Amino acid sequence: MPKYVVLQVVLKEKFLGTGSKNLDELENIINKQCSKGFRLHTISTTSSGSKGFGGGDRVQATLVFESL
């Protein structure tokens, strides 16, 4: 029977231009789970704008890993 791990990561978009500031963090999380014998099964995202100083959008990624 497979086991699952669910993780959430908040990706912060740059104030000017596009592109996430922390894609390396996302990549590291995926690689870490894969090294533990899990594979990325599902990823979903939701986004919200930020009105605070510095601006930029926030994207919340939910990652579901399944044991091999």
N, C-alpha and C. Protein backbone atom coordinates (compact mmCIF):
# COMPACT_ATOMS: atom_id res chain seq x y z
N MET A 1 0.85 -1.18 0.00
CA MET A 1 0.00 0.00 0.00
C MET A 1 0.90 1.24 0.00
N PRO A 2 0.68 2.18 -0.91
CA PRO A 2 1.52 3.39 -0.97
C PRO A 2 1.29 4.30 0.23
N LYS A 3 2.34 5.01 0.59
CA LYS A 3 2.25 6.05 1.61
C LYS A 3 2.42 7.39 0.92
N TYR A 4 1.88 8.43 1.53
CA TYR A 4 1.92 9.76 0.93
C TYR A 4 2.49 10.77 1.90
N VAL A 5 3.13 11.79 1.34
CA VAL A 5 3.61 12.94 2.09
C VAL A 5 3.06 14.17 1.39
N VAL A 6 2.47 15.10 2.15
CA VAL A 6 1.93 16.33 1.58
C VAL A 6 2.70 17.51 2.18
N LEU A 7 3.24 18.36 1.30
CA LEU A 7 4.00 19.53 1.73
C LEU A 7 3.46 20.77 1.04
N GLN A 8 3.57 21.90 1.70
CA GLN A 8 3.19 23.18 1.10
C GLN A 8 4.39 24.11 1.09
N VAL A 9 4.55 24.80 -0.04
CA VAL A 9 5.64 25.74 -0.21
C VAL A 9 5.05 27.05 -0.72
N VAL A 10 5.47 28.17 -0.15
CA VAL A 10 5.03 29.48 -0.62
C VAL A 10 6.12 30.06 -1.52
N LEU A 11 5.76 30.31 -2.76
CA LEU A 11 6.69 30.90 -3.73
C LEU A 11 6.39 32.38 -3.82
N LYS A 12 7.40 33.20 -3.62
CA LYS A 12 7.22 34.65 -3.64
C LYS A 12 7.68 35.18 -5.00
N GLU A 13 6.78 35.86 -5.68
CA GLU A 13 7.11 36.44 -6.98
C GLU A 13 7.85 37.75 -6.78
N LYS A 14 8.71 38.06 -7.71
CA LYS A 14 9.45 39.32 -7.66
C LYS A 14 8.51 40.49 -7.80
N PHE A 15 8.87 41.59 -7.18
CA PHE A 15 8.06 42.81 -7.28
C PHE A 15 8.07 43.34 -8.71
N LEU A 16 9.23 43.39 -9.32
CA LEU A 16 9.34 43.86 -10.70
C LEU A 16 9.71 42.67 -11.58
N GLY A 17 9.02 42.53 -12.68
CA GLY A 17 9.31 41.41 -13.58
C GLY A 17 8.61 40.15 -13.12
N THR A 18 9.05 39.03 -13.63
CA THR A 18 8.42 37.76 -13.27
C THR A 18 9.47 36.78 -12.81
N GLY A 19 9.03 35.71 -12.23
CA GLY A 19 9.92 34.66 -11.77
C GLY A 19 9.95 34.58 -10.26
N SER A 20 9.95 33.36 -9.77
CA SER A 20 9.94 33.15 -8.33
C SER A 20 11.33 33.32 -7.75
N LYS A 21 11.37 33.87 -6.56
CA LYS A 21 12.63 34.06 -5.86
C LYS A 21 13.15 32.76 -5.25
N ASN A 22 12.27 31.77 -5.05
CA ASN A 22 12.70 30.59 -4.32
C ASN A 22 12.42 29.27 -5.04
N LEU A 23 12.62 29.25 -6.34
CA LEU A 23 12.46 27.99 -7.07
C LEU A 23 13.51 26.97 -6.65
N ASP A 24 14.69 27.44 -6.22
CA ASP A 24 15.71 26.52 -5.73
C ASP A 24 15.20 25.76 -4.51
N GLU A 25 14.46 26.44 -3.65
CA GLU A 25 13.89 25.80 -2.46
C GLU A 25 12.91 24.70 -2.87
N LEU A 26 12.07 25.00 -3.85
CA LEU A 26 11.10 24.02 -4.35
C LEU A 26 11.83 22.81 -4.92
N GLU A 27 12.85 23.05 -5.72
CA GLU A 27 13.63 21.97 -6.31
C GLU A 27 14.30 21.11 -5.23
N ASN A 28 14.83 21.75 -4.20
CA ASN A 28 15.47 21.02 -3.11
C ASN A 28 14.47 20.13 -2.36
N ILE A 29 13.27 20.64 -2.15
CA ILE A 29 12.24 19.85 -1.46
C ILE A 29 11.88 18.62 -2.29
N ILE A 30 11.70 18.80 -3.59
CA ILE A 30 11.36 17.67 -4.46
C ILE A 30 12.49 16.64 -4.46
N ASN A 31 13.73 17.10 -4.62
CA ASN A 31 14.87 16.18 -4.63
C ASN A 31 15.03 15.44 -3.31
N LYS A 32 14.78 16.13 -2.20
CA LYS A 32 14.90 15.50 -0.88
C LYS A 32 13.89 14.37 -0.73
N GLN A 33 12.64 14.62 -1.14
CA GLN A 33 11.62 13.58 -1.04
C GLN A 33 11.92 12.40 -1.98
N CYS A 34 12.44 12.71 -3.16
CA CYS A 34 12.80 11.64 -4.11
C CYS A 34 13.92 10.78 -3.54
N SER A 35 14.87 11.39 -2.85
CA SER A 35 15.97 10.62 -2.26
C SER A 35 15.49 9.72 -1.12
N LYS A 36 14.31 10.03 -0.57
CA LYS A 36 13.72 9.22 0.49
C LYS A 36 12.83 8.10 -0.07
N GLY A 37 12.76 7.99 -1.40
CA GLY A 37 11.96 6.93 -2.01
C GLY A 37 10.55 7.34 -2.38
N PHE A 38 10.30 8.64 -2.51
CA PHE A 38 8.99 9.13 -2.92
C PHE A 38 9.10 9.73 -4.32
N ARG A 39 7.98 9.77 -5.01
CA ARG A 39 7.92 10.46 -6.30
C ARG A 39 6.83 11.51 -6.22
N LEU A 40 7.02 12.59 -6.98
CA LEU A 40 6.01 13.65 -7.00
C LEU A 40 4.79 13.12 -7.72
N HIS A 41 3.68 13.07 -7.03
CA HIS A 41 2.43 12.52 -7.58
C HIS A 41 1.56 13.65 -8.13
N THR A 42 1.38 14.71 -7.37
CA THR A 42 0.48 15.80 -7.74
C THR A 42 1.04 17.12 -7.22
N ILE A 43 0.84 18.17 -8.00
CA ILE A 43 1.17 19.51 -7.52
C ILE A 43 0.00 20.42 -7.91
N SER A 44 -0.41 21.26 -6.97
CA SER A 44 -1.46 22.24 -7.27
C SER A 44 -1.02 23.57 -6.68
N THR A 45 -1.49 24.64 -7.29
CA THR A 45 -1.09 25.97 -6.84
C THR A 45 -2.30 26.88 -6.68
N THR A 46 -2.16 27.82 -5.78
CA THR A 46 -3.11 28.92 -5.64
C THR A 46 -2.29 30.19 -5.53
N SER A 47 -2.81 31.28 -6.02
CA SER A 47 -2.05 32.52 -5.96
C SER A 47 -2.89 33.62 -5.31
N SER A 48 -2.16 34.55 -4.72
CA SER A 48 -2.81 35.71 -4.13
C SER A 48 -1.87 36.89 -4.26
N GLY A 49 -2.44 38.05 -4.41
CA GLY A 49 -1.65 39.27 -4.50
C GLY A 49 -1.21 39.73 -3.13
N SER A 50 -0.14 40.48 -3.10
CA SER A 50 0.35 41.05 -1.85
C SER A 50 0.25 42.56 -1.93
N LYS A 51 -0.29 43.16 -0.88
CA LYS A 51 -0.42 44.61 -0.87
C LYS A 51 0.57 45.26 0.07
N GLY A 52 1.45 44.45 0.66
CA GLY A 52 2.43 44.98 1.60
C GLY A 52 3.58 45.66 0.88
N PHE A 53 4.44 46.27 1.65
CA PHE A 53 5.60 46.95 1.10
C PHE A 53 6.47 45.94 0.38
N GLY A 54 6.92 46.26 -0.81
CA GLY A 54 7.72 45.33 -1.61
C GLY A 54 6.89 44.59 -2.63
N GLY A 55 5.60 44.53 -2.41
CA GLY A 55 4.69 43.93 -3.37
C GLY A 55 5.04 42.50 -3.72
N GLY A 56 4.64 42.11 -4.91
CA GLY A 56 4.88 40.75 -5.37
C GLY A 56 3.75 39.82 -4.99
N ASP A 57 3.49 38.86 -5.85
CA ASP A 57 2.44 37.88 -5.60
C ASP A 57 2.99 36.71 -4.79
N ARG A 58 2.08 36.00 -4.16
CA ARG A 58 2.41 34.78 -3.43
C ARG A 58 1.70 33.62 -4.12
N VAL A 59 2.46 32.57 -4.38
CA VAL A 59 1.89 31.36 -4.95
C VAL A 59 2.14 30.25 -3.95
N GLN A 60 1.06 29.61 -3.50
CA GLN A 60 1.18 28.49 -2.58
C GLN A 60 1.10 27.21 -3.38
N ALA A 61 2.15 26.41 -3.31
CA ALA A 61 2.19 25.13 -4.01
C ALA A 61 1.98 24.01 -3.00
N THR A 62 1.04 23.12 -3.29
CA THR A 62 0.82 21.93 -2.48
C THR A 62 1.34 20.75 -3.29
N LEU A 63 2.28 20.01 -2.70
CA LEU A 63 2.92 18.89 -3.38
C LEU A 63 2.54 17.60 -2.67
N VAL A 64 2.11 16.62 -3.43
CA VAL A 64 1.78 15.30 -2.89
C VAL A 64 2.80 14.32 -3.45
N PHE A 65 3.50 13.66 -2.53
CA PHE A 65 4.50 12.65 -2.90
C PHE A 65 3.96 11.28 -2.54
N GLU A 66 4.25 10.30 -3.40
CA GLU A 66 3.81 8.92 -3.19
C GLU A 66 5.03 8.03 -3.06
N SER A 67 4.98 7.10 -2.11
CA SER A 67 6.11 6.18 -1.95
C SER A 67 6.16 5.26 -3.16
N LEU A 68 7.38 4.85 -3.50
CA LEU A 68 7.57 3.97 -4.66
C LEU A 68 7.41 2.52 -4.26
